[in-house]
């Protein structure tokens, strides 16, 4: 996780499914994350969570990092996005 334009930093975390809902042509999937031992969130990131937006065919359209339930100035790295995509494909029925 990193602020837009900041240095590329990888974080190690585990994911958990929270809930999902269909919203028109989109299927929203909400995930929580827990950092692995020894990891810390970036200083300005208080309560991160993840929104994965899929189309009704199950294809991931967007992965959004939320802080305190809202969009924020942080984004995932490519490796972190890949971890989230793999989790959704393996553990969430889309």
N, C-alpha and C. Protein backbone atom coordinates (compact mmCIF):
# COMPACT_ATOMS: atom_id res chain seq x y z
N UNK A 1 0.85 -1.16 0.00
CA UNK A 1 0.00 0.00 0.00
C UNK A 1 0.89 1.22 0.00
N UNK A 2 0.50 2.19 -0.79
CA UNK A 2 1.29 3.40 -0.88
C UNK A 2 0.40 4.55 -1.29
N UNK A 3 0.82 5.75 -0.93
CA UNK A 3 0.10 6.93 -1.39
C UNK A 3 0.38 7.08 -2.88
N UNK A 4 -0.57 7.65 -3.59
CA UNK A 4 -0.36 7.90 -5.01
C UNK A 4 0.93 8.69 -5.20
N UNK A 5 1.82 8.20 -6.06
CA UNK A 5 3.07 8.88 -6.36
C UNK A 5 4.19 8.62 -5.37
N UNK A 6 3.93 7.88 -4.30
CA UNK A 6 4.96 7.63 -3.29
C UNK A 6 5.79 6.41 -3.66
N UNK A 7 6.80 6.16 -2.86
CA UNK A 7 7.68 5.02 -3.06
C UNK A 7 6.89 3.70 -2.99
N UNK A 8 7.26 2.78 -3.84
CA UNK A 8 6.62 1.47 -3.96
C UNK A 8 7.02 0.61 -2.75
N UNK A 9 6.04 0.26 -1.89
CA UNK A 9 6.31 -0.55 -0.71
C UNK A 9 5.30 -1.70 -0.66
N UNK A 10 5.79 -2.93 -0.57
CA UNK A 10 4.93 -4.11 -0.47
C UNK A 10 4.61 -4.40 0.98
N UNK A 11 3.35 -4.75 1.26
CA UNK A 11 2.94 -5.15 2.60
C UNK A 11 2.41 -6.58 2.54
N UNK A 12 2.66 -7.34 3.56
CA UNK A 12 2.17 -8.72 3.63
C UNK A 12 0.96 -8.76 4.55
N UNK A 13 -0.15 -9.32 4.03
CA UNK A 13 -1.39 -9.34 4.80
C UNK A 13 -2.22 -10.55 4.41
N UNK A 14 -3.15 -10.89 5.29
CA UNK A 14 -4.13 -11.94 5.00
C UNK A 14 -5.48 -11.27 4.78
N UNK A 15 -6.34 -11.94 4.04
CA UNK A 15 -7.64 -11.38 3.68
C UNK A 15 -8.77 -12.21 4.27
N UNK A 16 -9.89 -11.54 4.53
CA UNK A 16 -11.11 -12.20 4.98
C UNK A 16 -12.29 -11.60 4.24
N UNK A 17 -13.23 -12.45 3.88
CA UNK A 17 -14.47 -11.99 3.25
C UNK A 17 -15.35 -11.34 4.30
N UNK A 18 -15.96 -10.19 3.99
CA UNK A 18 -16.87 -9.50 4.90
C UNK A 18 -18.30 -9.63 4.39
N UNK A 19 -18.55 -9.14 3.18
CA UNK A 19 -19.90 -9.22 2.60
C UNK A 19 -19.84 -8.91 1.12
N UNK A 20 -20.95 -9.17 0.44
CA UNK A 20 -21.06 -8.80 -0.97
C UNK A 20 -22.48 -8.37 -1.26
N UNK A 21 -22.62 -7.58 -2.30
CA UNK A 21 -23.95 -7.14 -2.71
C UNK A 21 -23.95 -6.84 -4.19
N UNK A 22 -25.08 -7.10 -4.82
CA UNK A 22 -25.25 -6.78 -6.22
C UNK A 22 -25.88 -5.40 -6.30
N UNK A 23 -25.27 -4.56 -7.14
CA UNK A 23 -25.70 -3.18 -7.29
C UNK A 23 -25.82 -2.91 -8.79
N UNK A 24 -27.03 -3.11 -9.33
CA UNK A 24 -27.23 -2.93 -10.77
C UNK A 24 -26.39 -3.93 -11.55
N UNK A 25 -25.48 -3.41 -12.38
CA UNK A 25 -24.62 -4.28 -13.20
C UNK A 25 -23.33 -4.68 -12.49
N UNK A 26 -23.18 -4.31 -11.22
CA UNK A 26 -21.95 -4.58 -10.48
C UNK A 26 -22.20 -5.50 -9.29
N UNK A 27 -21.18 -6.27 -8.97
CA UNK A 27 -21.18 -7.11 -7.77
C UNK A 27 -20.04 -6.60 -6.89
N UNK A 28 -20.39 -5.97 -5.79
CA UNK A 28 -19.41 -5.40 -4.87
C UNK A 28 -19.04 -6.43 -3.81
N UNK A 29 -17.75 -6.61 -3.61
CA UNK A 29 -17.24 -7.55 -2.61
C UNK A 29 -16.39 -6.76 -1.63
N UNK A 30 -16.70 -6.90 -0.36
CA UNK A 30 -15.97 -6.19 0.69
C UNK A 30 -15.09 -7.18 1.44
N UNK A 31 -13.81 -6.83 1.59
CA UNK A 31 -12.84 -7.67 2.27
C UNK A 31 -12.18 -6.89 3.40
N UNK A 32 -11.75 -7.61 4.42
CA UNK A 32 -10.93 -7.00 5.45
C UNK A 32 -9.53 -7.58 5.31
N UNK A 33 -8.56 -6.87 5.87
CA UNK A 33 -7.18 -7.34 5.80
C UNK A 33 -6.54 -7.25 7.18
N UNK A 34 -5.65 -8.19 7.42
CA UNK A 34 -4.89 -8.17 8.66
C UNK A 34 -3.42 -8.32 8.29
N UNK A 35 -2.60 -7.42 8.79
CA UNK A 35 -1.18 -7.47 8.48
C UNK A 35 -0.52 -8.67 9.14
N UNK A 36 0.47 -9.22 8.47
CA UNK A 36 1.25 -10.30 9.04
C UNK A 36 2.18 -9.75 10.11
N UNK A 37 2.69 -10.61 10.95
CA UNK A 37 3.57 -10.21 12.06
C UNK A 37 4.73 -9.37 11.54
N UNK A 38 4.99 -8.29 12.25
CA UNK A 38 6.11 -7.41 11.90
C UNK A 38 5.78 -6.35 10.87
N UNK A 39 4.61 -6.42 10.26
CA UNK A 39 4.20 -5.43 9.26
C UNK A 39 3.45 -4.29 9.94
N UNK A 40 3.51 -3.11 9.37
CA UNK A 40 2.72 -1.97 9.85
C UNK A 40 2.09 -1.27 8.65
N UNK A 41 0.90 -0.71 8.88
CA UNK A 41 0.26 0.07 7.84
C UNK A 41 1.01 1.39 7.67
N UNK A 42 0.92 2.01 6.50
CA UNK A 42 1.48 3.34 6.35
C UNK A 42 0.91 4.28 7.41
N UNK A 43 1.68 5.25 7.80
CA UNK A 43 1.35 6.12 8.94
C UNK A 43 -0.03 6.75 8.86
N UNK A 44 -0.44 7.23 7.70
CA UNK A 44 -1.72 7.94 7.57
C UNK A 44 -2.91 7.03 7.29
N UNK A 45 -2.70 5.74 7.22
CA UNK A 45 -3.76 4.79 6.95
C UNK A 45 -4.29 4.25 8.27
N UNK A 46 -5.56 4.57 8.60
CA UNK A 46 -6.09 4.30 9.94
C UNK A 46 -6.82 2.97 10.03
N UNK A 47 -7.82 2.76 9.18
CA UNK A 47 -8.65 1.56 9.24
C UNK A 47 -8.92 1.07 7.82
N UNK A 48 -7.93 0.42 7.18
CA UNK A 48 -8.09 0.03 5.78
C UNK A 48 -9.01 -1.16 5.58
N UNK A 49 -9.69 -1.15 4.45
CA UNK A 49 -10.50 -2.26 3.99
C UNK A 49 -10.48 -2.24 2.47
N UNK A 50 -11.09 -3.24 1.87
CA UNK A 50 -11.00 -3.39 0.42
C UNK A 50 -12.38 -3.54 -0.20
N UNK A 51 -12.61 -2.83 -1.29
CA UNK A 51 -13.80 -2.99 -2.12
C UNK A 51 -13.33 -3.53 -3.46
N UNK A 52 -13.87 -4.69 -3.84
CA UNK A 52 -13.58 -5.28 -5.15
C UNK A 52 -14.87 -5.19 -5.96
N UNK A 53 -14.80 -4.52 -7.09
CA UNK A 53 -15.97 -4.35 -7.95
C UNK A 53 -15.83 -5.31 -9.13
N UNK A 54 -16.84 -6.16 -9.28
CA UNK A 54 -16.86 -7.14 -10.37
C UNK A 54 -18.08 -6.87 -11.25
N UNK A 55 -18.01 -7.33 -12.51
CA UNK A 55 -19.23 -7.31 -13.31
C UNK A 55 -20.02 -8.56 -12.95
N UNK A 56 -21.19 -8.71 -13.51
CA UNK A 56 -22.05 -9.84 -13.14
C UNK A 56 -21.53 -11.18 -13.66
N UNK A 57 -20.54 -11.15 -14.56
CA UNK A 57 -19.89 -12.38 -15.02
C UNK A 57 -18.78 -12.81 -14.08
N UNK A 58 -18.48 -11.98 -13.07
CA UNK A 58 -17.44 -12.32 -12.10
C UNK A 58 -16.07 -11.76 -12.41
N UNK A 59 -15.96 -10.99 -13.49
CA UNK A 59 -14.67 -10.39 -13.84
C UNK A 59 -14.41 -9.18 -12.94
N UNK A 60 -13.21 -9.10 -12.39
CA UNK A 60 -12.85 -7.97 -11.54
C UNK A 60 -12.63 -6.74 -12.42
N UNK A 61 -13.33 -5.66 -12.07
CA UNK A 61 -13.24 -4.42 -12.81
C UNK A 61 -12.33 -3.43 -12.08
N UNK A 62 -12.41 -3.41 -10.75
CA UNK A 62 -11.63 -2.44 -9.99
C UNK A 62 -11.41 -2.95 -8.56
N UNK A 63 -10.26 -2.62 -8.00
CA UNK A 63 -9.94 -2.91 -6.60
C UNK A 63 -9.63 -1.59 -5.94
N UNK A 64 -10.40 -1.27 -4.89
CA UNK A 64 -10.29 0.04 -4.24
C UNK A 64 -9.88 -0.15 -2.79
N UNK A 65 -8.87 0.58 -2.37
CA UNK A 65 -8.46 0.59 -0.97
C UNK A 65 -9.25 1.68 -0.26
N UNK A 66 -9.98 1.29 0.76
CA UNK A 66 -10.75 2.24 1.57
C UNK A 66 -10.02 2.47 2.89
N UNK A 67 -10.22 3.63 3.46
CA UNK A 67 -9.76 3.92 4.81
C UNK A 67 -10.95 4.46 5.57
N UNK A 68 -11.28 3.84 6.66
CA UNK A 68 -12.46 4.18 7.46
C UNK A 68 -13.72 4.17 6.60
N UNK A 69 -13.80 3.21 5.65
CA UNK A 69 -14.98 3.02 4.83
C UNK A 69 -15.12 3.94 3.63
N UNK A 70 -14.12 4.77 3.36
CA UNK A 70 -14.19 5.73 2.24
C UNK A 70 -12.97 5.59 1.34
N UNK A 71 -13.12 6.03 0.08
CA UNK A 71 -11.97 6.09 -0.81
C UNK A 71 -10.87 6.92 -0.15
N UNK A 72 -9.63 6.60 -0.46
CA UNK A 72 -8.53 7.33 0.17
C UNK A 72 -7.41 7.55 -0.83
N UNK A 73 -6.36 8.21 -0.39
CA UNK A 73 -5.25 8.56 -1.26
C UNK A 73 -4.21 7.45 -1.40
N UNK A 74 -4.53 6.27 -0.89
CA UNK A 74 -3.61 5.13 -0.99
C UNK A 74 -4.06 4.19 -2.09
N UNK A 75 -3.11 3.43 -2.61
CA UNK A 75 -3.41 2.43 -3.63
C UNK A 75 -2.59 1.18 -3.34
N UNK A 76 -3.00 0.07 -3.94
CA UNK A 76 -2.28 -1.18 -3.80
C UNK A 76 -1.18 -1.27 -4.84
N UNK A 77 -0.14 -2.03 -4.51
CA UNK A 77 0.90 -2.34 -5.49
C UNK A 77 0.36 -3.44 -6.40
N UNK A 78 1.08 -3.72 -7.48
CA UNK A 78 0.65 -4.77 -8.40
C UNK A 78 0.60 -6.13 -7.70
N UNK A 79 1.59 -6.42 -6.88
CA UNK A 79 1.62 -7.71 -6.17
C UNK A 79 0.46 -7.82 -5.18
N UNK A 80 0.14 -6.73 -4.50
CA UNK A 80 -0.97 -6.74 -3.55
C UNK A 80 -2.29 -6.94 -4.28
N UNK A 81 -2.45 -6.28 -5.44
CA UNK A 81 -3.66 -6.48 -6.25
C UNK A 81 -3.77 -7.93 -6.71
N UNK A 82 -2.66 -8.52 -7.10
CA UNK A 82 -2.67 -9.91 -7.54
C UNK A 82 -3.10 -10.83 -6.40
N UNK A 83 -2.65 -10.55 -5.18
CA UNK A 83 -3.05 -11.35 -4.02
C UNK A 83 -4.56 -11.24 -3.81
N UNK A 84 -5.10 -10.03 -3.93
CA UNK A 84 -6.53 -9.81 -3.75
C UNK A 84 -7.32 -10.51 -4.85
N UNK A 85 -6.88 -10.40 -6.09
CA UNK A 85 -7.56 -11.07 -7.21
C UNK A 85 -7.59 -12.58 -6.99
N UNK A 86 -6.47 -13.16 -6.58
CA UNK A 86 -6.41 -14.60 -6.33
C UNK A 86 -7.36 -15.00 -5.21
N UNK A 87 -7.41 -14.20 -4.15
CA UNK A 87 -8.31 -14.51 -3.03
C UNK A 87 -9.76 -14.51 -3.50
N UNK A 88 -10.15 -13.50 -4.25
CA UNK A 88 -11.54 -13.40 -4.72
C UNK A 88 -11.87 -14.59 -5.63
N UNK A 89 -10.98 -14.93 -6.53
CA UNK A 89 -11.24 -16.04 -7.45
C UNK A 89 -11.33 -17.38 -6.72
N UNK A 90 -10.56 -17.57 -5.65
CA UNK A 90 -10.54 -18.84 -4.94
C UNK A 90 -11.60 -18.96 -3.85
N UNK A 91 -11.95 -17.84 -3.20
CA UNK A 91 -12.76 -17.92 -1.98
C UNK A 91 -14.13 -17.24 -2.03
N UNK A 92 -14.39 -16.48 -3.07
CA UNK A 92 -15.67 -15.75 -3.11
C UNK A 92 -16.45 -16.20 -4.32
N UNK A 93 -17.71 -16.59 -4.10
CA UNK A 93 -18.58 -16.99 -5.21
C UNK A 93 -19.14 -15.75 -5.88
N UNK A 94 -18.61 -15.44 -7.04
CA UNK A 94 -19.05 -14.25 -7.77
C UNK A 94 -19.98 -14.68 -8.87
